[in-house]
Amino acid sequence: MHREEGIMELIIRQRHDRLGEHHHTYLESRLNRLGRYMDTLEHATVELTEERRSHEGVVHRMQITLRGAHGVLLRAERHHADLRALIDDVADVLQRQITHYKERHWRRGRLRRRGDEIVETDVAPTMSEPPMLRQITRTKVFAVTPMYSDEAIEQMELLGHDFFVFRDADNDEIAVVYRRRDGQYGLLMPRLEMP
């Protein structure tokens, strides 16, 4: 889809599943409605697959990643037997994430709008607002060893961690393996985004 005024760019990746025209239109409508809550959203990537589960039968699984200005990244994943209900579920989760993000940043005075830009300010929270509870309490410096992803997974399991940072022996880039909620593993390969 080409981006129009007020409409985010939409990329749909489908595997073993297909969105009909009706569901595609409904998905676009629900995602563009999120722009009412956060007007800096630029891209939406939708991944749709069909899975057969022993107790639920055939279900659709959808993961939506929203990218916005200033590095904002939101992601939600749900599964449901009914596609329309699935779209609603994922969109509702994303809406809650947007609301939470805005409450934490805009209401506490950390981000302010200046014209068309969002800028960080030095405004401290007012006395009526609670202080930020999440803080960095520990910093750890460690050597990043070249290894293959299967070796990194083994190291992660040996350490009992949910993720492991390593230097990929194939391309000499920093990468992260992590344990997914479905019990499988994921691989993150960061890339510097050019402006």
C-alpha atoms as a PDB file:
ATOM      1  CA  MET A   1       0.000   0.000   0.000  1.00  0.00           C
ATOM      2  CA  HIS A   2       1.301   3.494  -0.801  1.00  0.00           C
ATOM      3  CA  ARG A   3       1.254   5.823   2.138  1.00  0.00           C
ATOM      4  CA  GLU A   4      -1.436   8.490   2.049  1.00  0.00           C
ATOM      5  CA  GLU A   5      -2.021  11.376   4.423  1.00  0.00           C
ATOM      6  CA  GLY A   6      -2.832   9.956   7.865  1.00  0.00           C
ATOM      7  CA  ILE A   7      -2.428   6.334   6.714  1.00  0.00           C
ATOM      8  CA  MET A   8       0.551   4.247   7.786  1.00  0.00           C
ATOM      9  CA  GLU A   9       2.422   2.019   5.375  1.00  0.00           C
ATOM     10  CA  LEU A  10       1.153  -1.559   5.700  1.00  0.00           C
ATOM     11  CA  ILE A  11       3.204  -4.681   4.928  1.00  0.00           C
ATOM     12  CA  ILE A  12       1.480  -8.069   5.224  1.00  0.00           C
ATOM     13  CA  ARG A  13       3.438 -11.324   5.316  1.00  0.00           C
ATOM     14  CA  GLN A  14       1.235 -14.412   5.047  1.00  0.00           C
ATOM     15  CA  ARG A  15       2.286 -18.011   5.562  1.00  0.00           C
ATOM     16  CA  HIS A  16      -0.174 -20.912   5.344  1.00  0.00           C
ATOM     17  CA  ASP A  17      -2.992 -18.363   5.662  1.00  0.00           C
ATOM     18  CA  ARG A  18      -4.630 -15.654   3.576  1.00  0.00           C
ATOM     19  CA  LEU A  19      -6.525 -12.475   4.346  1.00  0.00           C
ATOM     20  CA  GLY A  20      -9.587 -12.032   2.158  1.00  0.00           C
ATOM     21  CA  GLU A  21     -10.469  -8.579   0.839  1.00  0.00           C
ATOM     22  CA  HIS A  22     -13.031  -8.019   3.600  1.00  0.00           C
ATOM     23  CA  HIS A  23     -10.567  -8.854   6.390  1.00  0.00           C
ATOM     24  CA  HIS A  24      -7.792  -6.881   4.687  1.00  0.00           C
ATOM     25  CA  THR A  25      -9.992  -3.770   4.613  1.00  0.00           C
ATOM     26  CA  TYR A  26     -11.022  -4.301   8.238  1.00  0.00           C
ATOM     27  CA  LEU A  27      -7.373  -4.699   9.311  1.00  0.00           C
ATOM     28  CA  GLU A  28      -6.402  -1.458   7.537  1.00  0.00           C
ATOM     29  CA  SER A  29      -9.274   0.336   9.222  1.00  0.00           C
ATOM     30  CA  ARG A  30      -8.330  -0.888  12.714  1.00  0.00           C
ATOM     31  CA  LEU A  31      -4.646  -0.047  12.277  1.00  0.00           C
ATOM     32  CA  ASN A  32      -5.278   3.413  10.864  1.00  0.00           C
ATOM     33  CA  ARG A  33      -7.622   4.085  13.777  1.00  0.00           C
ATOM     34  CA  LEU A  34      -4.583   3.689  16.059  1.00  0.00           C
ATOM     35  CA  GLY A  35      -3.246   6.871  14.467  1.00  0.00           C
ATOM     36  CA  ARG A  36      -5.878   8.756  16.464  1.00  0.00           C
ATOM     37  CA  TYR A  37      -4.054   7.724  19.614  1.00  0.00           C
ATOM     38  CA  MET A  38      -0.524   8.222  18.303  1.00  0.00           C
ATOM     39  CA  ASP A  39       0.002  10.260  15.157  1.00  0.00           C
ATOM     40  CA  THR A  40       3.714   9.426  14.769  1.00  0.00           C
ATOM     41  CA  LEU A  41       3.071   5.823  13.627  1.00  0.00           C
ATOM     42  CA  GLU A  42       4.583   5.251  10.177  1.00  0.00           C
ATOM     43  CA  HIS A  43       4.783   1.532   9.368  1.00  0.00           C
ATOM     44  CA  ALA A  44       2.843  -1.587  10.291  1.00  0.00           C
ATOM     45  CA  THR A  45       4.178  -5.087   9.574  1.00  0.00           C
ATOM     46  CA  VAL A  46       1.614  -7.863   9.890  1.00  0.00           C
ATOM     47  CA  GLU A  47       2.648 -11.524  10.027  1.00  0.00           C
ATOM     48  CA  LEU A  48      -0.197 -14.011   9.633  1.00  0.00           C
ATOM     49  CA  THR A  49       0.055 -17.783   9.902  1.00  0.00           C
ATOM     50  CA  GLU A  50      -2.362 -20.642  10.337  1.00  0.00           C
ATOM     51  CA  GLU A  51      -1.614 -23.260  12.981  1.00  0.00           C
ATOM     52  CA  ARG A  52      -3.197 -26.541  13.938  1.00  0.00           C
ATOM     53  CA  ARG A  53      -3.408 -26.937  17.716  1.00  0.00           C
ATOM     54  CA  SER A  54      -4.364 -30.150  19.477  1.00  0.00           C
ATOM     55  CA  HIS A  55      -7.013 -28.636  21.791  1.00  0.00           C
ATOM     56  CA  GLU A  56      -8.137 -25.684  19.665  1.00  0.00           C
ATOM     57  CA  GLY A  57      -8.084 -27.025  16.111  1.00  0.00           C
ATOM     58  CA  VAL A  58      -7.056 -24.622  13.372  1.00  0.00           C
ATOM     59  CA  VAL A  59      -6.237 -21.126  14.631  1.00  0.00           C
ATOM     60  CA  HIS A  60      -4.859 -17.984  13.033  1.00  0.00           C
ATOM     61  CA  ARG A  61      -1.832 -16.352  14.642  1.00  0.00           C
ATOM     62  CA  MET A  62      -1.143 -12.699  13.975  1.00  0.00           C
ATOM     63  CA  GLN A  63       1.799 -10.555  15.026  1.00  0.00           C
ATOM     64  CA  ILE A  64       1.745  -6.828  14.297  1.00  0.00           C
ATOM     65  CA  THR A  65       4.776  -4.581  14.675  1.00  0.00           C
ATOM     66  CA  LEU A  66       4.241  -0.816  14.589  1.00  0.00           C
ATOM     67  CA  ARG A  67       7.143   1.508  13.897  1.00  0.00           C
ATOM     68  CA  GLY A  68       6.924   5.195  14.580  1.00  0.00           C
ATOM     69  CA  ALA A  69       9.040   8.294  14.619  1.00  0.00           C
ATOM     70  CA  HIS A  70      11.868   8.627  17.156  1.00  0.00           C
ATOM     71  CA  GLY A  71      12.471   4.852  17.294  1.00  0.00           C
ATOM     72  CA  VAL A  72       9.070   3.958  18.758  1.00  0.00           C
ATOM     73  CA  LEU A  73       8.456   0.227  18.314  1.00  0.00           C
ATOM     74  CA  LEU A  74       5.293  -1.569  19.471  1.00  0.00           C
ATOM     75  CA  ARG A  75       4.491  -5.241  18.968  1.00  0.00           C
ATOM     76  CA  ALA A  76       1.555  -7.500  19.778  1.00  0.00           C
ATOM     77  CA  GLU A  77       0.820 -11.142  18.993  1.00  0.00           C
ATOM     78  CA  ARG A  78      -2.389 -13.099  19.494  1.00  0.00           C
ATOM     79  CA  HIS A  79      -4.113 -16.186  18.117  1.00  0.00           C
ATOM     80  CA  HIS A  80      -7.804 -16.902  17.541  1.00  0.00           C
ATOM     81  CA  ALA A  81      -9.965 -19.194  15.430  1.00  0.00           C
ATOM     82  CA  ASP A  82     -11.910 -16.207  14.024  1.00  0.00           C
ATOM     83  CA  LEU A  83      -9.931 -13.735  11.894  1.00  0.00           C
ATOM     84  CA  ARG A  84     -12.057 -10.673  12.683  1.00  0.00           C
ATOM     85  CA  ALA A  85     -11.862 -11.361  16.422  1.00  0.00           C
ATOM     86  CA  LEU A  86      -8.098 -11.852  16.054  1.00  0.00           C
ATOM     87  CA  ILE A  87      -7.696  -8.462  14.358  1.00  0.00           C
ATOM     88  CA  ASP A  88      -9.693  -6.860  17.172  1.00  0.00           C
ATOM     89  CA  ASP A  89      -7.592  -8.607  19.852  1.00  0.00           C
ATOM     90  CA  VAL A  90      -4.251  -7.506  18.400  1.00  0.00           C
ATOM     91  CA  ALA A  91      -5.439  -3.943  17.724  1.00  0.00           C
ATOM     92  CA  ASP A  92      -6.762  -3.663  21.300  1.00  0.00           C
ATOM     93  CA  VAL A  93      -3.408  -4.790  22.732  1.00  0.00           C
ATOM     94  CA  LEU A  94      -1.587  -2.226  20.574  1.00  0.00           C
ATOM     95  CA  GLN A  95      -3.991   0.506  21.650  1.00  0.00           C
ATOM     96  CA  ARG A  96      -3.278  -0.291  25.319  1.00  0.00           C
ATOM     97  CA  GLN A  97       0.460  -0.192  24.629  1.00  0.00           C
ATOM     98  CA  ILE A  98       0.125   3.217  22.959  1.00  0.00           C
ATOM     99  CA  THR A  99      -1.904   4.535  25.893  1.00  0.00           C
ATOM    100  CA  HIS A 100       0.684   3.208  28.348  1.00  0.00           C
ATOM    101  CA  TYR A 101       3.532   4.747  26.325  1.00  0.00           C
ATOM    102  CA  LYS A 102       1.846   8.145  26.186  1.00  0.00           C
ATOM    103  CA  GLU A 103       1.034   8.094  29.904  1.00  0.00           C
ATOM    104  CA  ARG A 104       4.652   7.373  30.766  1.00  0.00           C
ATOM    105  CA  HIS A 105       6.217   9.922  28.451  1.00  0.00           C
ATOM    106  CA  TRP A 106       3.839  12.766  27.661  1.00  0.00           C
ATOM    107  CA  ARG A 107       2.092  13.089  31.031  1.00  0.00           C
ATOM    108  CA  ARG A 108       5.332  12.984  32.974  1.00  0.00           C
ATOM    109  CA  GLY A 109       6.712  15.833  30.910  1.00  0.00           C
ATOM    110  CA  ARG A 110       9.565  13.868  29.332  1.00  0.00           C
ATOM    111  CA  LEU A 111       8.398  14.472  25.765  1.00  0.00           C
ATOM    112  CA  ARG A 112       6.851  17.643  24.413  1.00  0.00           C
ATOM    113  CA  ARG A 113       5.658  18.625  20.973  1.00  0.00           C
ATOM    114  CA  ARG A 114       7.418  21.554  19.338  1.00  0.00           C
ATOM    115  CA  GLY A 115       5.732  22.261  16.011  1.00  0.00           C
ATOM    116  CA  ASP A 116       5.853  18.995  14.093  1.00  0.00           C
ATOM    117  CA  GLU A 117       8.656  17.587  16.245  1.00  0.00           C
ATOM    118  CA  ILE A 118       8.581  15.679  19.523  1.00  0.00           C
ATOM    119  CA  VAL A 119      11.437  16.754  21.764  1.00  0.00           C
ATOM    120  CA  GLU A 120      12.749  15.493  25.090  1.00  0.00           C
ATOM    121  CA  THR A 121      12.652  18.036  27.896  1.00  0.00           C
ATOM    122  CA  ASP A 122      14.323  18.414  31.265  1.00  0.00           C
ATOM    123  CA  VAL A 123      11.003  19.041  32.994  1.00  0.00           C
ATOM    124  CA  ALA A 124      10.884  17.129  36.275  1.00  0.00           C
ATOM    125  CA  PRO A 125       7.659  15.406  37.374  1.00  0.00           C
ATOM    126  CA  THR A 126       5.382  17.564  39.472  1.00  0.00           C
ATOM    127  CA  MET A 127       4.873  16.801  43.165  1.00  0.00           C
ATOM    128  CA  SER A 128       1.498  15.201  42.369  1.00  0.00           C
ATOM    129  CA  GLU A 129       3.077  12.677  40.011  1.00  0.00           C
ATOM    130  CA  PRO A 130       4.796   9.544  41.329  1.00  0.00           C
ATOM    131  CA  PRO A 131       8.523   9.217  40.556  1.00  0.00           C
ATOM    132  CA  MET A 132       9.660   6.822  37.860  1.00  0.00           C
ATOM    133  CA  LEU A 133      10.027   3.402  39.476  1.00  0.00           C
ATOM    134  CA  ARG A 134      11.986   1.696  36.710  1.00  0.00           C
ATOM    135  CA  GLN A 135      15.667   2.494  36.867  1.00  0.00           C
ATOM    136  CA  ILE A 136      18.902   0.917  35.698  1.00  0.00           C
ATOM    137  CA  THR A 137      20.253  -0.629  38.886  1.00  0.00           C
ATOM    138  CA  ARG A 138      23.120  -2.642  37.410  1.00  0.00           C
ATOM    139  CA  THR A 139      25.477  -2.322  34.489  1.00  0.00           C
ATOM    140  CA  LYS A 140      27.387  -5.328  33.221  1.00  0.00           C
ATOM    141  CA  VAL A 141      30.326  -5.164  30.808  1.00  0.00           C
ATOM    142  CA  PHE A 142      31.201  -8.417  29.078  1.00  0.00           C
ATOM    143  CA  ALA A 143      33.246  -9.753  26.175  1.00  0.00           C
ATOM    144  CA  VAL A 144      31.256 -10.612  23.057  1.00  0.00           C
ATOM    145  CA  THR A 145      32.653 -13.865  21.704  1.00  0.00           C
ATOM    146  CA  PRO A 146      32.386 -14.917  18.044  1.00  0.00           C
ATOM    147  CA  MET A 147      30.188 -18.029  17.747  1.00  0.00           C
ATOM    148  CA  TYR A 148      27.395 -19.554  15.692  1.00  0.00           C
ATOM    149  CA  SER A 149      23.740 -19.186  16.689  1.00  0.00           C
ATOM    150  CA  ASP A 150      23.423 -22.804  17.871  1.00  0.00           C
ATOM    151  CA  GLU A 151      26.428 -22.282  20.175  1.00  0.00           C
ATOM    152  CA  ALA A 152      24.835 -19.067  21.488  1.00  0.00           C
ATOM    153  CA  ILE A 153      21.611 -20.957  22.282  1.00  0.00           C
ATOM    154  CA  GLU A 154      23.631 -23.577  24.150  1.00  0.00           C
ATOM    155  CA  GLN A 155      25.394 -20.850  26.161  1.00  0.00           C
ATOM    156  CA  MET A 156      22.058 -19.193  26.933  1.00  0.00           C
ATOM    157  CA  GLU A 157      20.630 -22.482  28.202  1.00  0.00           C
ATOM    158  CA  LEU A 158      23.743 -23.198  30.278  1.00  0.00           C
ATOM    159  CA  LEU A 159      23.449 -19.785  31.932  1.00  0.00           C
ATOM    160  CA  GLY A 160      19.695 -20.168  32.475  1.00  0.00           C
ATOM    161  CA  HIS A 161      18.994 -16.842  30.739  1.00  0.00           C
ATOM    162  CA  ASP A 162      16.173 -15.864  28.382  1.00  0.00           C
ATOM    163  CA  PHE A 163      18.554 -14.167  25.927  1.00  0.00           C
ATOM    164  CA  PHE A 164      22.225 -14.157  24.991  1.00  0.00           C
ATOM    165  CA  VAL A 165      24.293 -11.508  23.172  1.00  0.00           C
ATOM    166  CA  PHE A 166      27.088 -12.722  20.889  1.00  0.00           C
ATOM    167  CA  ARG A 167      29.130 -11.855  17.802  1.00  0.00           C
ATOM    168  CA  ASP A 168      27.882 -13.909  14.838  1.00  0.00           C
ATOM    169  CA  ALA A 169      30.787 -15.932  13.455  1.00  0.00           C
ATOM    170  CA  ASP A 170      29.205 -15.886   9.968  1.00  0.00           C
ATOM    171  CA  ASN A 171      29.178 -12.110   9.508  1.00  0.00           C
ATOM    172  CA  ASP A 172      31.035 -10.655  12.539  1.00  0.00           C
ATOM    173  CA  GLU A 173      27.900  -8.681  13.555  1.00  0.00           C
ATOM    174  CA  ILE A 174      26.422  -8.382  17.057  1.00  0.00           C
ATOM    175  CA  ALA A 175      23.334 -10.597  17.449  1.00  0.00           C
ATOM    176  CA  VAL A 176      20.976 -11.798  20.182  1.00  0.00           C
ATOM    177  CA  VAL A 177      19.298 -15.187  20.585  1.00  0.00           C
ATOM    178  CA  TYR A 178      16.252 -15.365  22.836  1.00  0.00           C
ATOM    179  CA  ARG A 179      13.660 -17.833  24.056  1.00  0.00           C
ATOM    180  CA  ARG A 180      10.181 -17.240  22.615  1.00  0.00           C
ATOM    181  CA  ARG A 181       6.954 -17.773  24.524  1.00  0.00           C
ATOM    182  CA  ASP A 182       6.125 -20.749  22.281  1.00  0.00           C
ATOM    183  CA  GLY A 183       9.297 -22.513  23.487  1.00  0.00           C
ATOM    184  CA  GLN A 184      11.201 -21.946  20.231  1.00  0.00           C
ATOM    185  CA  TYR A 185      14.132 -19.564  19.757  1.00  0.00           C
ATOM    186  CA  GLY A 186      14.428 -16.214  18.054  1.00  0.00           C
ATOM    187  CA  LEU A 187      17.431 -14.413  16.579  1.00  0.00           C
ATOM    188  CA  LEU A 188      17.779 -10.621  16.595  1.00  0.00           C
ATOM    189  CA  MET A 189      20.269  -9.076  14.189  1.00  0.00           C
ATOM    190  CA  PRO A 190      20.395  -5.304  14.756  1.00  0.00           C
ATOM    191  CA  ARG A 191      21.083  -3.006  11.824  1.00  0.00           C
ATOM    192  CA  LEU A 192      21.842   0.694  11.994  1.00  0.00           C
ATOM    193  CA  GLU A 193      18.875   2.540  10.530  1.00  0.00           C
ATOM    194  CA  MET A 194      19.920   5.336   8.226  1.00  0.00           C
ATOM    195  CA  PRO A 195      17.940   8.616   8.540  1.00  0.00           C
END
